[in-house]
Full PDB file with SEQRES, HELIX, SHEET, SSBOND, CRYST1, ORIGX, SCALE, CONECT and MASTER records, all heavy atoms in Angstrom:
SEQRES   1 A   31  TYR LEU LEU LYS GLN ARG VAL SER ALA ALA GLN ASP MET          
SEQRES   2 A   31  LEU ARG THR THR ASP LYS SER ILE VAL ASP ILE ALA LEU          
SEQRES   3 A   31  SER VAL GLY PHE SER                                          
HELIX    1 AA1 LEU A    2  THR A   16  1                                  15    
HELIX    2 AA2 ILE A   21  SER A   27  1                                   7    
CRYST1    1.000    1.000    1.000  90.00  90.00  90.00 P 1           1          
ORIGX1      1.000000  0.000000  0.000000        0.00000                         
ORIGX2      0.000000  1.000000  0.000000        0.00000                         
ORIGX3      0.000000  0.000000  1.000000        0.00000                         
SCALE1      1.000000  0.000000  0.000000        0.00000                         
SCALE2      0.000000  1.000000  0.000000        0.00000                         
SCALE3      0.000000  0.000000  1.000000        0.00000                         
ATOM      1  N   TYR A   1    -102.497 153.755  26.399  1.00  0.00           N  
ATOM      2  CA  TYR A   1    -101.975 154.250  27.765  1.00  0.00           C  
ATOM      3  C   TYR A   1    -103.006 154.010  28.835  1.00  0.00           C  
ATOM      4  O   TYR A   1    -102.673 153.647  29.857  1.00  0.00           O  
ATOM      5  CB  TYR A   1    -101.619 155.764  27.581  1.00  0.00           C  
ATOM      6  CG  TYR A   1    -101.200 156.372  28.929  1.00  0.00           C  
ATOM      7  CD1 TYR A   1     -99.979 156.171  29.488  1.00  0.00           C  
ATOM      8  CD2 TYR A   1    -102.089 157.169  29.695  1.00  0.00           C  
ATOM      9  CE1 TYR A   1     -99.542 156.688  30.648  1.00  0.00           C  
ATOM     10  CE2 TYR A   1    -101.757 157.693  30.811  1.00  0.00           C  
ATOM     11  CZ  TYR A   1    -100.566 157.445  31.403  1.00  0.00           C  
ATOM     12  OH  TYR A   1    -100.138 157.949  32.533  1.00  0.00           O  
ATOM     13  N   LEU A   2    -104.299 154.455  28.542  1.00  0.00           N  
ATOM     14  CA  LEU A   2    -105.254 154.232  29.614  1.00  0.00           C  
ATOM     15  C   LEU A   2    -105.467 152.811  30.016  1.00  0.00           C  
ATOM     16  O   LEU A   2    -105.441 152.491  31.181  1.00  0.00           O  
ATOM     17  CB  LEU A   2    -106.684 154.888  28.976  1.00  0.00           C  
ATOM     18  CG  LEU A   2    -107.926 154.629  29.825  1.00  0.00           C  
ATOM     19  CD1 LEU A   2    -107.757 155.369  31.154  1.00  0.00           C  
ATOM     20  CD2 LEU A   2    -109.163 155.122  29.045  1.00  0.00           C  
ATOM     21  N   LEU A   3    -105.477 151.867  28.904  1.00  0.00           N  
ATOM     22  CA  LEU A   3    -105.597 150.454  29.371  1.00  0.00           C  
ATOM     23  C   LEU A   3    -104.363 150.047  30.106  1.00  0.00           C  
ATOM     24  O   LEU A   3    -104.511 149.280  31.099  1.00  0.00           O  
ATOM     25  CB  LEU A   3    -105.746 149.589  28.099  1.00  0.00           C  
ATOM     26  CG  LEU A   3    -107.017 149.823  27.311  1.00  0.00           C  
ATOM     27  CD1 LEU A   3    -106.958 149.016  26.022  1.00  0.00           C  
ATOM     28  CD2 LEU A   3    -108.275 149.498  28.166  1.00  0.00           C  
ATOM     29  N   LYS A   4    -103.195 150.395  29.839  1.00  0.00           N  
ATOM     30  CA  LYS A   4    -101.994 150.012  30.551  1.00  0.00           C  
ATOM     31  C   LYS A   4    -102.039 150.576  32.048  1.00  0.00           C  
ATOM     32  O   LYS A   4    -101.689 149.839  32.953  1.00  0.00           O  
ATOM     33  CB  LYS A   4    -100.718 150.452  29.833  1.00  0.00           C  
ATOM     34  CG  LYS A   4    -100.459 149.643  28.678  1.00  0.00           C  
ATOM     35  CD  LYS A   4     -99.063 149.979  28.039  1.00  0.00           C  
ATOM     36  CE  LYS A   4     -98.824 149.203  26.844  1.00  0.00           C  
ATOM     37  NZ  LYS A   4     -97.693 148.285  26.949  1.00  0.00           N  
ATOM     38  N   GLN A   5    -102.508 151.808  32.174  1.00  0.00           N  
ATOM     39  CA  GLN A   5    -102.626 152.347  33.458  1.00  0.00           C  
ATOM     40  C   GLN A   5    -103.677 151.513  34.327  1.00  0.00           C  
ATOM     41  O   GLN A   5    -103.589 151.328  35.513  1.00  0.00           O  
ATOM     42  CB  GLN A   5    -103.003 153.793  33.500  1.00  0.00           C  
ATOM     43  CG  GLN A   5    -101.924 154.615  32.827  1.00  0.00           C  
ATOM     44  CD  GLN A   5    -100.525 154.406  33.570  1.00  0.00           C  
ATOM     45  OE1 GLN A   5    -100.388 154.617  34.754  1.00  0.00           O  
ATOM     46  NE2 GLN A   5     -99.571 154.003  32.758  1.00  0.00           N  
ATOM     47  N   ARG A   6    -104.898 151.203  33.676  1.00  0.00           N  
ATOM     48  CA  ARG A   6    -105.803 150.435  34.400  1.00  0.00           C  
ATOM     49  C   ARG A   6    -105.270 149.040  34.806  1.00  0.00           C  
ATOM     50  O   ARG A   6    -105.501 148.649  35.869  1.00  0.00           O  
ATOM     51  CB  ARG A   6    -107.079 150.317  33.412  1.00  0.00           C  
ATOM     52  CG  ARG A   6    -107.872 151.593  33.416  1.00  0.00           C  
ATOM     53  CD  ARG A   6    -109.166 151.527  32.671  1.00  0.00           C  
ATOM     54  NE  ARG A   6    -109.923 152.650  32.918  1.00  0.00           N  
ATOM     55  CZ  ARG A   6    -110.739 153.130  32.091  1.00  0.00           C  
ATOM     56  NH1 ARG A   6    -111.218 152.461  31.048  1.00  0.00           N  
ATOM     57  NH2 ARG A   6    -111.434 154.211  32.470  1.00  0.00           N  
ATOM     58  N   VAL A   7    -104.583 148.369  33.903  1.00  0.00           N  
ATOM     59  CA  VAL A   7    -104.022 147.101  34.189  1.00  0.00           C  
ATOM     60  C   VAL A   7    -102.966 147.290  35.248  1.00  0.00           C  
ATOM     61  O   VAL A   7    -102.855 146.412  36.230  1.00  0.00           O  
ATOM     62  CB  VAL A   7    -103.446 146.461  32.906  1.00  0.00           C  
ATOM     63  CG1 VAL A   7    -102.584 145.220  33.273  1.00  0.00           C  
ATOM     64  CG2 VAL A   7    -104.620 146.077  32.076  1.00  0.00           C  
ATOM     65  N   SER A   8    -102.133 148.318  35.357  1.00  0.00           N  
ATOM     66  CA  SER A   8    -101.183 148.398  36.278  1.00  0.00           C  
ATOM     67  C   SER A   8    -101.780 148.568  37.701  1.00  0.00           C  
ATOM     68  O   SER A   8    -101.311 148.159  38.627  1.00  0.00           O  
ATOM     69  CB  SER A   8    -100.264 149.654  35.999  1.00  0.00           C  
ATOM     70  OG  SER A   8     -99.388 149.849  36.924  1.00  0.00           O  
ATOM     71  N   ALA A   9    -102.835 149.383  37.767  1.00  0.00           N  
ATOM     72  CA  ALA A   9    -103.654 149.633  39.000  1.00  0.00           C  
ATOM     73  C   ALA A   9    -104.221 148.337  39.387  1.00  0.00           C  
ATOM     74  O   ALA A   9    -104.230 148.010  40.588  1.00  0.00           O  
ATOM     75  CB  ALA A   9    -104.655 150.760  38.805  1.00  0.00           C  
ATOM     76  N   ALA A  10    -104.740 147.519  38.517  1.00  0.00           N  
ATOM     77  CA  ALA A  10    -105.280 146.222  38.791  1.00  0.00           C  
ATOM     78  C   ALA A  10    -104.232 145.334  39.396  1.00  0.00           C  
ATOM     79  O   ALA A  10    -104.497 144.568  40.452  1.00  0.00           O  
ATOM     80  CB  ALA A  10    -105.968 145.680  37.605  1.00  0.00           C  
ATOM     81  N   GLN A  11    -103.141 145.309  38.784  1.00  0.00           N  
ATOM     82  CA  GLN A  11    -102.039 144.454  39.344  1.00  0.00           C  
ATOM     83  C   GLN A  11    -101.606 144.813  40.792  1.00  0.00           C  
ATOM     84  O   GLN A  11    -101.477 143.898  41.561  1.00  0.00           O  
ATOM     85  CB  GLN A  11    -100.715 144.660  38.497  1.00  0.00           C  
ATOM     86  CG  GLN A  11    -100.844 143.980  37.187  1.00  0.00           C  
ATOM     87  CD  GLN A  11     -99.584 144.163  36.295  1.00  0.00           C  
ATOM     88  OE1 GLN A  11     -99.199 145.269  35.998  1.00  0.00           O  
ATOM     89  NE2 GLN A  11     -98.830 143.081  35.971  1.00  0.00           N  
ATOM     90  N   ASP A  12    -101.648 146.092  41.136  1.00  0.00           N  
ATOM     91  CA  ASP A  12    -101.408 146.555  42.413  1.00  0.00           C  
ATOM     92  C   ASP A  12    -102.405 145.890  43.449  1.00  0.00           C  
ATOM     93  O   ASP A  12    -102.282 145.481  44.487  1.00  0.00           O  
ATOM     94  CB  ASP A  12    -101.256 148.005  42.554  1.00  0.00           C  
ATOM     95  CG  ASP A  12    -100.023 148.630  42.042  1.00  0.00           C  
ATOM     96  OD1 ASP A  12     -99.074 147.839  41.784  1.00  0.00           O  
ATOM     97  OD2 ASP A  12    -100.173 149.803  41.660  1.00  0.00           O  
ATOM     98  N   MET A  13    -103.721 146.083  42.975  1.00  0.00           N  
ATOM     99  CA  MET A  13    -104.868 145.616  43.768  1.00  0.00           C  
ATOM    100  C   MET A  13    -104.891 143.994  43.872  1.00  0.00           C  
ATOM    101  O   MET A  13    -105.044 143.516  44.959  1.00  0.00           O  
ATOM    102  CB  MET A  13    -106.160 146.108  43.278  1.00  0.00           C  
ATOM    103  CG  MET A  13    -106.345 147.516  43.314  1.00  0.00           C  
ATOM    104  SD  MET A  13    -107.797 148.124  42.502  1.00  0.00           S  
ATOM    105  CE  MET A  13    -109.059 147.718  43.794  1.00  0.00           C  
ATOM    106  N   LEU A  14    -104.534 143.395  42.807  1.00  0.00           N  
ATOM    107  CA  LEU A  14    -104.514 141.952  42.850  1.00  0.00           C  
ATOM    108  C   LEU A  14    -103.276 141.460  43.780  1.00  0.00           C  
ATOM    109  O   LEU A  14    -103.419 140.482  44.544  1.00  0.00           O  
ATOM    110  CB  LEU A  14    -104.094 141.349  41.478  1.00  0.00           C  
ATOM    111  CG  LEU A  14    -105.284 141.382  40.481  1.00  0.00           C  
ATOM    112  CD1 LEU A  14    -104.798 141.162  39.000  1.00  0.00           C  
ATOM    113  CD2 LEU A  14    -106.348 140.408  40.857  1.00  0.00           C  
ATOM    114  N   ARG A  15    -102.297 142.169  43.830  1.00  0.00           N  
ATOM    115  CA  ARG A  15    -101.131 141.855  44.725  1.00  0.00           C  
ATOM    116  C   ARG A  15    -101.387 142.097  46.203  1.00  0.00           C  
ATOM    117  O   ARG A  15    -100.953 141.433  47.041  1.00  0.00           O  
ATOM    118  CB  ARG A  15     -99.882 142.645  44.259  1.00  0.00           C  
ATOM    119  CG  ARG A  15     -98.675 142.351  44.987  1.00  0.00           C  
ATOM    120  CD  ARG A  15     -97.489 143.172  44.579  1.00  0.00           C  
ATOM    121  NE  ARG A  15     -97.189 143.265  43.134  1.00  0.00           N  
ATOM    122  CZ  ARG A  15     -97.414 144.369  42.389  1.00  0.00           C  
ATOM    123  NH1 ARG A  15     -97.765 145.472  42.951  1.00  0.00           N  
ATOM    124  NH2 ARG A  15     -97.185 144.411  41.139  1.00  0.00           N  
ATOM    125  N   THR A  16    -102.135 143.208  46.495  1.00  0.00           N  
ATOM    126  CA  THR A  16    -102.335 143.738  47.859  1.00  0.00           C  
ATOM    127  C   THR A  16    -103.637 143.565  48.531  1.00  0.00           C  
ATOM    128  O   THR A  16    -103.759 143.909  49.624  1.00  0.00           O  
ATOM    129  CB  THR A  16    -101.767 145.202  47.907  1.00  0.00           C  
ATOM    130  OG1 THR A  16    -102.647 145.927  47.119  1.00  0.00           O  
ATOM    131  CG2 THR A  16    -100.387 145.334  47.500  1.00  0.00           C  
ATOM    132  N   THR A  17    -104.587 143.122  47.765  1.00  0.00           N  
ATOM    133  CA  THR A  17    -105.940 143.109  48.370  1.00  0.00           C  
ATOM    134  C   THR A  17    -106.545 141.602  48.125  1.00  0.00           C  
ATOM    135  O   THR A  17    -106.000 140.897  47.308  1.00  0.00           O  
ATOM    136  CB  THR A  17    -106.952 144.044  47.794  1.00  0.00           C  
ATOM    137  OG1 THR A  17    -107.231 143.703  46.424  1.00  0.00           O  
ATOM    138  CG2 THR A  17    -106.358 145.476  47.819  1.00  0.00           C  
ATOM    139  N   ASP A  18    -107.663 141.372  48.868  1.00  0.00           N  
ATOM    140  CA  ASP A  18    -108.393 140.160  48.650  1.00  0.00           C  
ATOM    141  C   ASP A  18    -109.676 140.338  47.834  1.00  0.00           C  
ATOM    142  O   ASP A  18    -110.527 139.441  47.741  1.00  0.00           O  
ATOM    143  CB  ASP A  18    -108.828 139.489  50.009  1.00  0.00           C  
ATOM    144  CG  ASP A  18    -107.634 139.026  50.797  1.00  0.00           C  
ATOM    145  OD1 ASP A  18    -106.562 138.807  50.171  1.00  0.00           O  
ATOM    146  OD2 ASP A  18    -107.778 139.000  51.987  1.00  0.00           O  
ATOM    147  N   LYS A  19    -109.805 141.474  47.196  1.00  0.00           N  
ATOM    148  CA  LYS A  19    -110.938 141.745  46.411  1.00  0.00           C  
ATOM    149  C   LYS A  19    -111.090 140.680  45.271  1.00  0.00           C  
ATOM    150  O   LYS A  19    -110.104 140.229  44.751  1.00  0.00           O  
ATOM    151  CB  LYS A  19    -110.840 143.217  45.780  1.00  0.00           C  
ATOM    152  CG  LYS A  19    -111.035 144.288  46.736  1.00  0.00           C  
ATOM    153  CD  LYS A  19    -111.150 145.548  45.885  1.00  0.00           C  
ATOM    154  CE  LYS A  19    -111.551 146.768  46.750  1.00  0.00           C  
ATOM    155  NZ  LYS A  19    -111.629 148.031  45.955  1.00  0.00           N  
ATOM    156  N   SER A  20    -112.295 140.453  44.907  1.00  0.00           N  
ATOM    157  CA  SER A  20    -112.555 139.638  43.801  1.00  0.00           C  
ATOM    158  C   SER A  20    -112.096 140.226  42.509  1.00  0.00           C  
ATOM    159  O   SER A  20    -112.003 141.497  42.440  1.00  0.00           O  
ATOM    160  CB  SER A  20    -114.026 139.286  43.631  1.00  0.00           C  
ATOM    161  OG  SER A  20    -114.729 140.357  43.224  1.00  0.00           O  
ATOM    162  N   ILE A  21    -111.854 139.467  41.476  1.00  0.00           N  
ATOM    163  CA  ILE A  21    -111.421 140.019  40.146  1.00  0.00           C  
ATOM    164  C   ILE A  21    -112.462 140.877  39.607  1.00  0.00           C  
ATOM    165  O   ILE A  21    -112.114 141.879  38.962  1.00  0.00           O  
ATOM    166  CB  ILE A  21    -110.956 138.786  39.263  1.00  0.00           C  
ATOM    167  CG1 ILE A  21    -109.748 138.125  39.797  1.00  0.00           C  
ATOM    168  CG2 ILE A  21    -110.727 139.308  37.816  1.00  0.00           C  
ATOM    169  CD1 ILE A  21    -109.299 136.890  39.124  1.00  0.00           C  
ATOM    170  N   VAL A  22    -113.765 140.583  39.695  1.00  0.00           N  
ATOM    171  CA  VAL A  22    -114.795 141.412  39.181  1.00  0.00           C  
ATOM    172  C   VAL A  22    -114.757 142.770  39.874  1.00  0.00           C  
ATOM    173  O   VAL A  22    -114.923 143.845  39.197  1.00  0.00           O  
ATOM    174  CB  VAL A  22    -116.162 140.709  39.186  1.00  0.00           C  
ATOM    175  CG1 VAL A  22    -116.732 140.551  40.528  1.00  0.00           C  
ATOM    176  CG2 VAL A  22    -117.048 141.451  38.274  1.00  0.00           C  
ATOM    177  N   ASP A  23    -114.557 142.780  41.223  1.00  0.00           N  
ATOM    178  CA  ASP A  23    -114.598 144.089  41.965  1.00  0.00           C  
ATOM    179  C   ASP A  23    -113.376 144.895  41.558  1.00  0.00           C  
ATOM    180  O   ASP A  23    -113.528 146.105  41.363  1.00  0.00           O  
ATOM    181  CB  ASP A  23    -114.552 143.845  43.447  1.00  0.00           C  
ATOM    182  CG  ASP A  23    -115.882 143.328  43.958  1.00  0.00           C  
ATOM    183  OD1 ASP A  23    -116.898 143.567  43.345  1.00  0.00           O  
ATOM    184  OD2 ASP A  23    -115.833 142.674  45.075  1.00  0.00           O  
ATOM    185  N   ILE A  24    -112.254 144.196  41.268  1.00  0.00           N  
ATOM    186  CA  ILE A  24    -111.040 144.956  40.836  1.00  0.00           C  
ATOM    187  C   ILE A  24    -111.275 145.530  39.437  1.00  0.00           C  
ATOM    188  O   ILE A  24    -110.889 146.661  39.154  1.00  0.00           O  
ATOM    189  CB  ILE A  24    -109.744 144.010  40.855  1.00  0.00           C  
ATOM    190  CG1 ILE A  24    -109.383 143.822  42.278  1.00  0.00           C  
ATOM    191  CG2 ILE A  24    -108.633 144.693  40.130  1.00  0.00           C  
ATOM    192  CD1 ILE A  24    -108.360 142.728  42.520  1.00  0.00           C  
ATOM    193  N   ALA A  25    -111.810 144.628  38.569  1.00  0.00           N  
ATOM    194  CA  ALA A  25    -112.139 145.065  37.166  1.00  0.00           C  
ATOM    195  C   ALA A  25    -112.992 146.379  37.157  1.00  0.00           C  
ATOM    196  O   ALA A  25    -112.734 147.399  36.498  1.00  0.00           O  
ATOM    197  CB  ALA A  25    -112.833 144.012  36.384  1.00  0.00           C  
ATOM    198  N   LEU A  26    -113.954 146.377  38.080  1.00  0.00           N  
ATOM    199  CA  LEU A  26    -114.940 147.544  38.033  1.00  0.00           C  
ATOM    200  C   LEU A  26    -114.249 148.714  38.670  1.00  0.00           C  
ATOM    201  O   LEU A  26    -114.500 149.852  38.301  1.00  0.00           O  
ATOM    202  CB  LEU A  26    -116.166 147.152  38.837  1.00  0.00           C  
ATOM    203  CG  LEU A  26    -117.097 146.109  38.188  1.00  0.00           C  
ATOM    204  CD1 LEU A  26    -118.294 145.702  39.094  1.00  0.00           C  
ATOM    205  CD2 LEU A  26    -117.596 146.509  36.875  1.00  0.00           C  
ATOM    206  N   SER A  27    -113.437 148.526  39.628  1.00  0.00           N  
ATOM    207  CA  SER A  27    -112.782 149.611  40.436  1.00  0.00           C  
ATOM    208  C   SER A  27    -111.704 150.298  39.543  1.00  0.00           C  
ATOM    209  O   SER A  27    -111.301 151.382  39.902  1.00  0.00           O  
ATOM    210  CB  SER A  27    -112.196 149.182  41.723  1.00  0.00           C  
ATOM    211  OG  SER A  27    -111.105 148.261  41.536  1.00  0.00           O  
ATOM    212  N   VAL A  28    -111.229 149.681  38.537  1.00  0.00           N  
ATOM    213  CA  VAL A  28    -110.217 150.337  37.619  1.00  0.00           C  
ATOM    214  C   VAL A  28    -110.729 150.665  36.258  1.00  0.00           C  
ATOM    215  O   VAL A  28    -110.073 151.019  35.378  1.00  0.00           O  
ATOM    216  CB  VAL A  28    -108.987 149.397  37.415  1.00  0.00           C  
ATOM    217  CG1 VAL A  28    -108.208 149.235  38.753  1.00  0.00           C  
ATOM    218  CG2 VAL A  28    -109.258 148.191  36.801  1.00  0.00           C  
ATOM    219  N   GLY A  29    -112.112 150.642  36.237  1.00  0.00           N  
ATOM    220  CA  GLY A  29    -112.739 151.271  35.000  1.00  0.00           C  
ATOM    221  C   GLY A  29    -113.242 150.251  33.994  1.00  0.00           C  
ATOM    222  O   GLY A  29    -113.707 150.799  32.874  1.00  0.00           O  
ATOM    223  N   PHE A  30    -113.100 149.070  34.101  1.00  0.00           N  
ATOM    224  CA  PHE A  30    -113.671 148.105  33.106  1.00  0.00           C  
ATOM    225  C   PHE A  30    -115.149 147.846  33.427  1.00  0.00           C  
ATOM    226  O   PHE A  30    -115.510 147.749  34.508  1.00  0.00           O  
ATOM    227  CB  PHE A  30    -112.883 146.849  33.178  1.00  0.00           C  
ATOM    228  CG  PHE A  30    -111.430 146.994  32.481  1.00  0.00           C  
ATOM    229  CD1 PHE A  30    -110.430 147.262  33.371  1.00  0.00           C  
ATOM    230  CD2 PHE A  30    -111.269 146.872  31.117  1.00  0.00           C  
ATOM    231  CE1 PHE A  30    -109.076 147.332  32.842  1.00  0.00           C  
ATOM    232  CE2 PHE A  30    -109.987 146.986  30.608  1.00  0.00           C  
ATOM    233  CZ  PHE A  30    -108.895 147.233  31.488  1.00  0.00           C  
ATOM    234  N   SER A  31    -115.915 147.718  32.337  1.00  0.00           N  
ATOM    235  CA  SER A  31    -117.358 147.562  32.615  1.00  0.00           C  
ATOM    236  C   SER A  31    -117.713 146.082  32.784  1.00  0.00           C  
ATOM    237  O   SER A  31    -118.748 145.858  33.419  1.00  0.00           O  
ATOM    238  CB  SER A  31    -118.157 148.112  31.431  1.00  0.00           C  
ATOM    239  OG  SER A  31    -117.716 147.578  30.311  1.00  0.00           O  
TER     240      SER A  31                                                      
MASTER        0    0    0    2    0    0    0    6  239    1    0    3          
END                                                                             
């Protein structure tokens, strides 16, 4: 569940921001 929520939040950020993938990964809790 936690991983799915993190991926879902990342999808929203990938869709709506210009942030780099590494910044998105870190902002949704991936190390």
